[in-house]
């Protein structure tokens, strides 16, 4: 009799993996066709690619790897001790619906020192964050010019 044991891991990223984080973020943005227009998605992708993968160096990052050690999702945040901000939380489309995003969020929250956690979320992810204890505060415009939801957890 054979048994399959899932060998998934949540761990900090290595510097060599920054390009993979950018690729995952771009792939996830390209999936947002029900929420954002092609023009909005292009502006967003152009914005993050202009910053390059080095943008993640300013964040705390955790990656989720699958059985083959491939990164399939990640979470990034900042924390100044007073306020933390979830900067990115992305899971590749083939791995969504498997609680990976929720696991990444919970592990990141466990490492945050601040009492207040803020999130600038895509509109489609708002319900995910609300389901995980965040409270919707308002809508705003992203740095790339599309609507986002502002949420917080205290």
N, C-alpha and C. Protein backbone atom coordinates (compact mmCIF):
# COMPACT_ATOMS: atom_id res chain seq x y z
N UNK A 1 0.84 -1.17 0.00
CA UNK A 1 0.00 0.00 0.00
C UNK A 1 0.89 1.24 0.00
N UNK A 2 0.56 2.25 -0.84
CA UNK A 2 1.33 3.48 -0.94
C UNK A 2 0.59 4.62 -0.28
N UNK A 3 1.32 5.50 0.35
CA UNK A 3 0.75 6.68 0.96
C UNK A 3 1.46 7.90 0.41
N UNK A 4 0.71 8.94 0.16
CA UNK A 4 1.31 10.20 -0.26
C UNK A 4 1.24 11.17 0.90
N UNK A 5 2.38 11.70 1.26
CA UNK A 5 2.44 12.68 2.33
C UNK A 5 2.78 14.01 1.69
N UNK A 6 1.93 14.99 1.89
CA UNK A 6 2.18 16.32 1.34
C UNK A 6 3.35 16.96 2.07
N UNK A 7 4.28 17.44 1.32
CA UNK A 7 5.47 18.06 1.90
C UNK A 7 5.50 19.54 1.55
N UNK A 8 4.50 20.26 1.99
CA UNK A 8 4.47 21.69 1.75
C UNK A 8 5.18 22.40 2.88
N UNK A 9 5.72 23.55 2.55
CA UNK A 9 6.51 24.29 3.53
C UNK A 9 6.20 25.77 3.41
N UNK A 10 6.07 26.44 4.56
CA UNK A 10 6.04 27.90 4.60
C UNK A 10 7.36 28.31 5.23
N UNK A 11 8.10 29.16 4.50
CA UNK A 11 9.43 29.55 4.96
C UNK A 11 9.77 30.93 4.42
N UNK A 12 10.79 31.58 5.00
CA UNK A 12 11.26 32.84 4.42
C UNK A 12 11.84 32.59 3.04
N UNK A 13 11.74 33.58 2.18
CA UNK A 13 12.34 33.44 0.85
C UNK A 13 13.85 33.63 0.93
N UNK A 14 14.52 33.18 -0.09
CA UNK A 14 15.95 33.46 -0.24
C UNK A 14 16.09 34.63 -1.22
N UNK A 15 17.22 35.35 -1.18
CA UNK A 15 17.41 36.46 -2.13
C UNK A 15 17.31 36.02 -3.59
N UNK A 16 17.69 34.78 -3.87
CA UNK A 16 17.64 34.28 -5.25
C UNK A 16 16.20 34.06 -5.74
N UNK A 17 15.23 34.08 -4.85
CA UNK A 17 13.84 33.81 -5.22
C UNK A 17 13.01 35.06 -5.49
N UNK A 18 13.61 36.24 -5.40
CA UNK A 18 12.84 37.47 -5.58
C UNK A 18 12.17 37.55 -6.94
N UNK A 19 12.85 37.09 -7.98
CA UNK A 19 12.25 37.09 -9.32
C UNK A 19 11.02 36.19 -9.38
N UNK A 20 11.03 35.10 -8.63
CA UNK A 20 9.87 34.21 -8.59
C UNK A 20 8.67 34.90 -7.93
N UNK A 21 8.93 35.71 -6.90
CA UNK A 21 7.84 36.43 -6.25
C UNK A 21 7.20 37.40 -7.25
N UNK A 22 8.02 38.12 -7.99
CA UNK A 22 7.49 39.05 -8.99
C UNK A 22 6.70 38.30 -10.06
N UNK A 23 7.19 37.17 -10.51
CA UNK A 23 6.48 36.38 -11.53
C UNK A 23 5.13 35.89 -11.01
N UNK A 24 5.07 35.48 -9.76
CA UNK A 24 3.80 35.03 -9.17
C UNK A 24 2.84 36.21 -9.08
N UNK A 25 3.33 37.36 -8.63
CA UNK A 25 2.45 38.53 -8.52
C UNK A 25 1.90 38.91 -9.89
N UNK A 26 2.74 38.94 -10.91
CA UNK A 26 2.28 39.28 -12.27
C UNK A 26 1.24 38.27 -12.75
N UNK A 27 1.50 36.98 -12.56
CA UNK A 27 0.55 35.94 -12.99
C UNK A 27 -0.79 36.12 -12.29
N UNK A 28 -0.76 36.45 -11.01
CA UNK A 28 -2.02 36.63 -10.26
C UNK A 28 -2.76 37.88 -10.72
N UNK A 29 -2.04 38.94 -11.01
CA UNK A 29 -2.69 40.16 -11.51
C UNK A 29 -3.37 39.87 -12.84
N UNK A 30 -2.73 39.09 -13.68
CA UNK A 30 -3.30 38.76 -14.99
C UNK A 30 -4.58 37.94 -14.87
N UNK A 31 -4.82 37.33 -13.72
CA UNK A 31 -6.05 36.56 -13.47
C UNK A 31 -7.23 37.43 -13.04
N UNK A 32 -7.02 38.70 -12.81
CA UNK A 32 -8.06 39.57 -12.24
C UNK A 32 -8.98 40.18 -13.30
N UNK A 33 -9.24 39.45 -14.36
CA UNK A 33 -10.03 39.99 -15.47
C UNK A 33 -11.49 40.27 -15.10
N UNK A 34 -12.01 39.64 -14.07
CA UNK A 34 -13.39 39.91 -13.63
C UNK A 34 -13.47 41.16 -12.75
N UNK A 35 -12.34 41.63 -12.27
CA UNK A 35 -12.32 42.75 -11.33
C UNK A 35 -11.77 44.03 -11.95
N UNK A 36 -10.74 43.90 -12.77
CA UNK A 36 -10.07 45.07 -13.32
C UNK A 36 -10.01 45.00 -14.84
N UNK A 37 -9.92 46.16 -15.46
CA UNK A 37 -9.84 46.23 -16.92
C UNK A 37 -8.42 45.88 -17.38
N UNK A 38 -8.27 45.52 -18.66
CA UNK A 38 -6.91 45.28 -19.16
C UNK A 38 -5.99 46.49 -18.99
N UNK A 39 -6.52 47.68 -19.12
CA UNK A 39 -5.72 48.90 -18.95
C UNK A 39 -5.24 49.01 -17.50
N UNK A 40 -6.12 48.75 -16.53
CA UNK A 40 -5.74 48.81 -15.11
C UNK A 40 -4.69 47.75 -14.78
N UNK A 41 -4.88 46.53 -15.30
CA UNK A 41 -3.93 45.45 -15.03
C UNK A 41 -2.57 45.77 -15.64
N UNK A 42 -2.55 46.31 -16.85
CA UNK A 42 -1.29 46.67 -17.50
C UNK A 42 -0.57 47.75 -16.70
N UNK A 43 -1.30 48.76 -16.25
CA UNK A 43 -0.68 49.83 -15.46
C UNK A 43 -0.07 49.27 -14.18
N UNK A 44 -0.78 48.36 -13.54
CA UNK A 44 -0.30 47.75 -12.31
C UNK A 44 0.97 46.93 -12.57
N UNK A 45 0.92 46.08 -13.59
CA UNK A 45 2.07 45.24 -13.92
C UNK A 45 3.27 46.10 -14.31
N UNK A 46 3.03 47.13 -15.12
CA UNK A 46 4.13 48.03 -15.49
C UNK A 46 4.74 48.69 -14.26
N UNK A 47 3.89 49.08 -13.32
CA UNK A 47 4.35 49.73 -12.09
C UNK A 47 5.26 48.81 -11.28
N UNK A 48 4.82 47.58 -11.04
CA UNK A 48 5.63 46.68 -10.20
C UNK A 48 6.87 46.20 -10.94
N UNK A 49 6.79 46.04 -12.26
CA UNK A 49 7.98 45.61 -13.00
C UNK A 49 9.01 46.73 -13.07
N UNK A 50 8.56 47.98 -13.08
CA UNK A 50 9.50 49.11 -13.08
C UNK A 50 10.29 49.13 -11.78
N UNK A 51 9.64 48.76 -10.67
CA UNK A 51 10.34 48.68 -9.38
C UNK A 51 11.27 47.48 -9.32
N UNK A 52 11.06 46.50 -10.14
CA UNK A 52 11.79 45.23 -10.23
C UNK A 52 11.58 44.36 -8.99
N UNK A 53 12.10 43.16 -9.06
CA UNK A 53 11.93 42.20 -7.97
C UNK A 53 12.60 42.66 -6.68
N UNK A 54 13.50 43.60 -6.78
CA UNK A 54 14.17 44.09 -5.57
C UNK A 54 13.20 44.78 -4.62
N UNK A 55 12.01 45.11 -5.11
CA UNK A 55 11.00 45.74 -4.25
C UNK A 55 10.70 44.89 -3.02
N UNK A 56 10.81 43.57 -3.14
CA UNK A 56 10.49 42.67 -2.04
C UNK A 56 11.56 42.66 -0.95
N UNK A 57 12.74 43.22 -1.25
CA UNK A 57 13.81 43.29 -0.25
C UNK A 57 13.41 44.15 0.94
N UNK A 58 12.49 45.08 0.74
CA UNK A 58 12.06 45.97 1.83
C UNK A 58 11.02 45.32 2.74
N UNK A 59 10.57 44.13 2.39
CA UNK A 59 9.49 43.45 3.12
C UNK A 59 10.01 42.22 3.85
N UNK A 60 9.21 41.78 4.82
CA UNK A 60 9.34 40.43 5.36
C UNK A 60 8.56 39.56 4.37
N UNK A 61 9.12 38.46 3.94
CA UNK A 61 8.45 37.60 2.96
C UNK A 61 8.45 36.15 3.44
N UNK A 62 7.32 35.50 3.26
CA UNK A 62 7.23 34.06 3.46
C UNK A 62 6.71 33.45 2.17
N UNK A 63 7.26 32.30 1.80
CA UNK A 63 6.80 31.60 0.61
C UNK A 63 6.17 30.28 1.00
N UNK A 64 5.25 29.83 0.17
CA UNK A 64 4.60 28.53 0.34
C UNK A 64 5.08 27.67 -0.82
N UNK A 65 5.72 26.55 -0.50
CA UNK A 65 6.19 25.66 -1.56
C UNK A 65 5.37 24.38 -1.58
N UNK A 66 5.23 23.83 -2.78
CA UNK A 66 4.47 22.59 -2.93
C UNK A 66 5.38 21.37 -2.76
N UNK A 67 4.85 20.21 -3.07
CA UNK A 67 5.60 18.95 -2.91
C UNK A 67 6.89 18.93 -3.71
N UNK A 68 6.91 19.67 -4.82
CA UNK A 68 8.10 19.71 -5.69
C UNK A 68 9.03 20.87 -5.33
N UNK A 69 8.78 21.51 -4.21
CA UNK A 69 9.58 22.65 -3.72
C UNK A 69 9.42 23.89 -4.60
N UNK A 70 8.36 23.93 -5.39
CA UNK A 70 8.07 25.10 -6.22
C UNK A 70 7.28 26.11 -5.40
N UNK A 71 7.65 27.38 -5.50
CA UNK A 71 6.90 28.43 -4.80
C UNK A 71 5.58 28.64 -5.54
N UNK A 72 4.47 28.49 -4.80
CA UNK A 72 3.14 28.65 -5.41
C UNK A 72 2.37 29.80 -4.78
N UNK A 73 2.94 30.42 -3.76
CA UNK A 73 2.30 31.57 -3.13
C UNK A 73 3.27 32.25 -2.19
N UNK A 74 2.94 33.49 -1.84
CA UNK A 74 3.78 34.21 -0.89
C UNK A 74 3.00 35.34 -0.24
N UNK A 75 3.52 35.77 0.89
CA UNK A 75 2.98 36.92 1.61
C UNK A 75 4.15 37.83 1.97
N UNK A 76 3.92 39.13 1.86
CA UNK A 76 4.93 40.13 2.20
C UNK A 76 4.31 41.16 3.12
N UNK A 77 5.10 41.64 4.10
CA UNK A 77 4.57 42.65 5.01
C UNK A 77 5.69 43.52 5.54
N UNK A 78 5.28 44.68 6.06
CA UNK A 78 6.17 45.57 6.80
C UNK A 78 5.62 45.68 8.21
N UNK A 79 6.48 46.02 9.15
CA UNK A 79 6.07 46.11 10.55
C UNK A 79 7.01 47.07 11.26
N UNK A 80 6.48 48.23 11.67
CA UNK A 80 7.31 49.19 12.39
C UNK A 80 7.13 49.09 13.90
N UNK A 81 6.42 48.07 14.35
CA UNK A 81 6.18 47.88 15.78
C UNK A 81 4.87 48.49 16.25
N UNK A 82 4.41 49.51 15.56
CA UNK A 82 3.13 50.15 15.88
C UNK A 82 2.05 49.70 14.90
N UNK A 83 2.43 49.66 13.63
CA UNK A 83 1.49 49.29 12.58
C UNK A 83 2.20 48.37 11.59
N UNK A 84 1.52 47.32 11.21
CA UNK A 84 2.02 46.42 10.18
C UNK A 84 1.15 46.56 8.94
N UNK A 85 1.73 46.32 7.80
CA UNK A 85 0.98 46.38 6.54
C UNK A 85 1.27 45.12 5.73
N UNK A 86 0.19 44.42 5.39
CA UNK A 86 0.34 43.30 4.46
C UNK A 86 0.47 43.94 3.08
N UNK A 87 1.62 43.77 2.47
CA UNK A 87 1.91 44.40 1.18
C UNK A 87 1.48 43.53 0.01
N UNK A 88 1.65 42.24 0.14
CA UNK A 88 1.33 41.30 -0.94
C UNK A 88 0.86 39.98 -0.34
N UNK A 89 -0.11 39.37 -0.97
CA UNK A 89 -0.50 38.00 -0.66
C UNK A 89 -1.04 37.42 -1.95
N UNK A 90 -0.28 36.52 -2.54
CA UNK A 90 -0.65 35.96 -3.84
C UNK A 90 -0.45 34.45 -3.84
N UNK A 91 -1.40 33.76 -4.47
CA UNK A 91 -1.34 32.32 -4.65
C UNK A 91 -1.67 32.03 -6.11
N UNK A 92 -0.84 31.23 -6.77
CA UNK A 92 -1.09 30.88 -8.17
C UNK A 92 -2.46 30.23 -8.33
N UNK A 93 -3.08 30.47 -9.45
CA UNK A 93 -4.48 30.05 -9.66
C UNK A 93 -4.70 28.55 -9.47
N UNK A 94 -3.78 27.71 -9.87
CA UNK A 94 -3.96 26.26 -9.72
C UNK A 94 -3.97 25.82 -8.26
N UNK A 95 -3.55 26.69 -7.35
CA UNK A 95 -3.44 26.33 -5.94
C UNK A 95 -4.45 27.07 -5.06
N UNK A 96 -5.31 27.87 -5.66
CA UNK A 96 -6.30 28.60 -4.88
C UNK A 96 -7.40 27.65 -4.40
N UNK A 97 -8.05 28.04 -3.32
CA UNK A 97 -9.13 27.23 -2.76
C UNK A 97 -8.62 26.09 -1.89
N UNK A 98 -7.34 26.10 -1.58
CA UNK A 98 -6.74 25.04 -0.76
C UNK A 98 -6.22 25.58 0.57
N UNK A 99 -6.68 26.76 0.95
CA UNK A 99 -6.35 27.41 2.21
C UNK A 99 -4.89 27.87 2.30
N UNK A 100 -4.20 27.95 1.18
CA UNK A 100 -2.81 28.39 1.18
C UNK A 100 -2.72 29.85 1.58
N UNK A 101 -3.57 30.70 1.01
CA UNK A 101 -3.56 32.11 1.36
C UNK A 101 -3.84 32.32 2.84
N UNK A 102 -4.80 31.57 3.35
CA UNK A 102 -5.14 31.67 4.77
C UNK A 102 -3.96 31.23 5.65
N UNK A 103 -3.29 30.16 5.25
CA UNK A 103 -2.12 29.70 6.02
C UNK A 103 -1.00 30.73 5.99
N UNK A 104 -0.73 31.29 4.82
CA UNK A 104 0.31 32.32 4.72
C UNK A 104 -0.03 33.52 5.59
N UNK A 105 -1.29 33.96 5.54
CA UNK A 105 -1.72 35.11 6.32
C UNK A 105 -1.55 34.85 7.81
N UNK A 106 -1.97 33.69 8.28
CA UNK A 106 -1.89 33.37 9.71
C UNK A 106 -0.44 33.29 10.19
N UNK A 107 0.44 32.70 9.40
CA UNK A 107 1.84 32.62 9.81
C UNK A 107 2.44 34.01 9.84
N UNK A 108 2.14 34.84 8.84
CA UNK A 108 2.65 36.22 8.83
C UNK A 108 2.13 36.98 10.04
N UNK A 109 0.83 36.87 10.33
CA UNK A 109 0.26 37.56 11.49
C UNK A 109 0.94 37.12 12.79
N UNK A 110 1.33 35.86 12.85
CA UNK A 110 2.02 35.36 14.03
C UNK A 110 3.40 35.97 14.22
N UNK A 111 3.97 36.51 13.15
CA UNK A 111 5.29 37.12 13.23
C UNK A 111 5.24 38.63 13.38
N UNK A 112 4.06 39.21 13.20
CA UNK A 112 3.90 40.66 13.31
C UNK A 112 3.96 41.06 14.78
N UNK A 113 4.69 42.14 15.05
CA UNK A 113 4.80 42.64 16.42
C UNK A 113 3.76 43.73 16.71
N UNK A 114 3.33 44.45 15.68
CA UNK A 114 2.37 45.53 15.84
C UNK A 114 0.99 44.98 16.18
N UNK A 115 0.21 45.77 16.90
CA UNK A 115 -1.16 45.37 17.25
C UNK A 115 -2.12 45.62 16.09
N UNK A 116 -1.83 46.62 15.28
CA UNK A 116 -2.70 47.00 14.18
C UNK A 116 -2.10 46.52 12.86
N UNK A 117 -2.90 45.82 12.06
CA UNK A 117 -2.45 45.33 10.76
C UNK A 117 -3.36 45.93 9.69
N UNK A 118 -2.75 46.59 8.72
CA UNK A 118 -3.47 47.23 7.62
C UNK A 118 -3.25 46.44 6.33
N UNK A 119 -4.28 46.47 5.47
CA UNK A 119 -4.17 45.82 4.17
C UNK A 119 -4.77 46.72 3.11
N UNK A 120 -4.04 46.88 2.02
CA UNK A 120 -4.54 47.53 0.80
C UNK A 120 -4.81 46.37 -0.16
N UNK A 121 -6.06 46.02 -0.31
CA UNK A 121 -6.45 44.80 -1.00
C UNK A 121 -7.09 45.08 -2.35
N UNK A 122 -6.93 44.14 -3.27
CA UNK A 122 -7.73 44.20 -4.49
C UNK A 122 -9.19 44.01 -4.10
N UNK A 123 -10.09 44.52 -4.91
CA UNK A 123 -11.51 44.44 -4.58
C UNK A 123 -12.00 42.99 -4.49
N UNK A 124 -11.47 42.11 -5.33
CA UNK A 124 -11.91 40.72 -5.31
C UNK A 124 -11.46 39.98 -4.06
N UNK A 125 -10.40 40.45 -3.39
CA UNK A 125 -9.88 39.77 -2.20
C UNK A 125 -10.49 40.31 -0.90
N UNK A 126 -11.30 41.32 -1.00
CA UNK A 126 -11.89 41.93 0.21
C UNK A 126 -12.59 40.90 1.08
N UNK A 127 -13.42 40.06 0.49
CA UNK A 127 -14.18 39.08 1.28
C UNK A 127 -13.24 38.07 1.95
N UNK A 128 -12.14 37.72 1.32
CA UNK A 128 -11.15 36.82 1.92
C UNK A 128 -10.63 37.42 3.22
N UNK A 129 -10.24 38.69 3.18
CA UNK A 129 -9.71 39.33 4.37
C UNK A 129 -10.78 39.51 5.44
N UNK A 130 -12.00 39.85 5.04
CA UNK A 130 -13.09 39.98 6.01
C UNK A 130 -13.35 38.63 6.68
N UNK A 131 -13.31 37.56 5.91
CA UNK A 131 -13.50 36.22 6.46
C UNK A 131 -12.39 35.88 7.46
N UNK A 132 -11.24 36.51 7.31
CA UNK A 132 -10.10 36.26 8.20
C UNK A 132 -9.94 37.33 9.27
N UNK A 133 -11.03 38.05 9.58
CA UNK A 133 -11.05 38.95 10.73
C UNK A 133 -10.72 40.40 10.46
N UNK A 134 -10.56 40.79 9.22
CA UNK A 134 -10.26 42.18 8.89
C UNK A 134 -11.55 42.96 8.68
N UNK A 135 -11.51 44.24 8.99
CA UNK A 135 -12.68 45.10 8.87
C UNK A 135 -12.45 46.09 7.74
N UNK A 136 -13.43 46.15 6.83
CA UNK A 136 -13.35 47.09 5.72
C UNK A 136 -13.47 48.50 6.26
N UNK A 137 -12.57 49.37 5.82
CA UNK A 137 -12.57 50.78 6.24
C UNK A 137 -13.05 51.70 5.13
N UNK A 138 -12.52 51.52 3.92
CA UNK A 138 -12.91 52.39 2.81
C UNK A 138 -12.31 51.87 1.52
N UNK A 139 -12.72 52.50 0.43
CA UNK A 139 -12.07 52.27 -0.85
C UNK A 139 -11.09 53.40 -1.09
N UNK A 140 -10.07 53.14 -1.87
CA UNK A 140 -9.07 54.15 -2.22
C UNK A 140 -8.57 53.83 -3.62
N UNK A 141 -7.65 54.64 -4.09
CA UNK A 141 -7.02 54.40 -5.38
C UNK A 141 -5.61 53.87 -5.11
N UNK A 142 -5.21 52.89 -5.88
CA UNK A 142 -3.85 52.35 -5.76
C UNK A 142 -2.85 53.33 -6.36
N UNK A 143 -1.60 53.05 -6.13
CA UNK A 143 -0.55 53.88 -6.73
C UNK A 143 -0.56 53.77 -8.25
N UNK A 144 -1.16 52.70 -8.77
CA UNK A 144 -1.24 52.49 -10.22
C UNK A 144 -2.53 53.01 -10.82
N UNK A 145 -3.47 53.50 -9.97
CA UNK A 145 -4.67 54.13 -10.49
C UNK A 145 -5.91 53.28 -10.60
N UNK A 146 -6.07 52.25 -9.78
CA UNK A 146 -7.31 51.47 -9.78
C UNK A 146 -7.83 51.37 -8.36
N UNK A 147 -9.12 51.04 -8.23
CA UNK A 147 -9.75 50.99 -6.91
C UNK A 147 -9.26 49.78 -6.11
N UNK A 148 -9.04 50.05 -4.81
CA UNK A 148 -8.67 49.00 -3.88
C UNK A 148 -9.49 49.17 -2.60
N UNK A 149 -9.47 48.14 -1.77
CA UNK A 149 -10.15 48.19 -0.48
C UNK A 149 -9.11 48.35 0.63
N UNK A 150 -9.41 49.20 1.59
CA UNK A 150 -8.55 49.37 2.76
C UNK A 150 -9.21 48.64 3.93
N UNK A 151 -8.46 47.74 4.55
CA UNK A 151 -8.97 46.94 5.67
C UNK A 151 -7.97 47.00 6.81
N UNK A 152 -8.44 46.70 8.01
CA UNK A 152 -7.53 46.64 9.15
C UNK A 152 -8.01 45.61 10.15
N UNK A 153 -7.06 45.17 10.97
CA UNK A 153 -7.32 44.24 12.06
C UNK A 153 -6.56 44.76 13.27
N UNK A 154 -7.28 44.87 14.37
CA UNK A 154 -6.66 45.38 15.60
C UNK A 154 -6.65 44.26 16.62
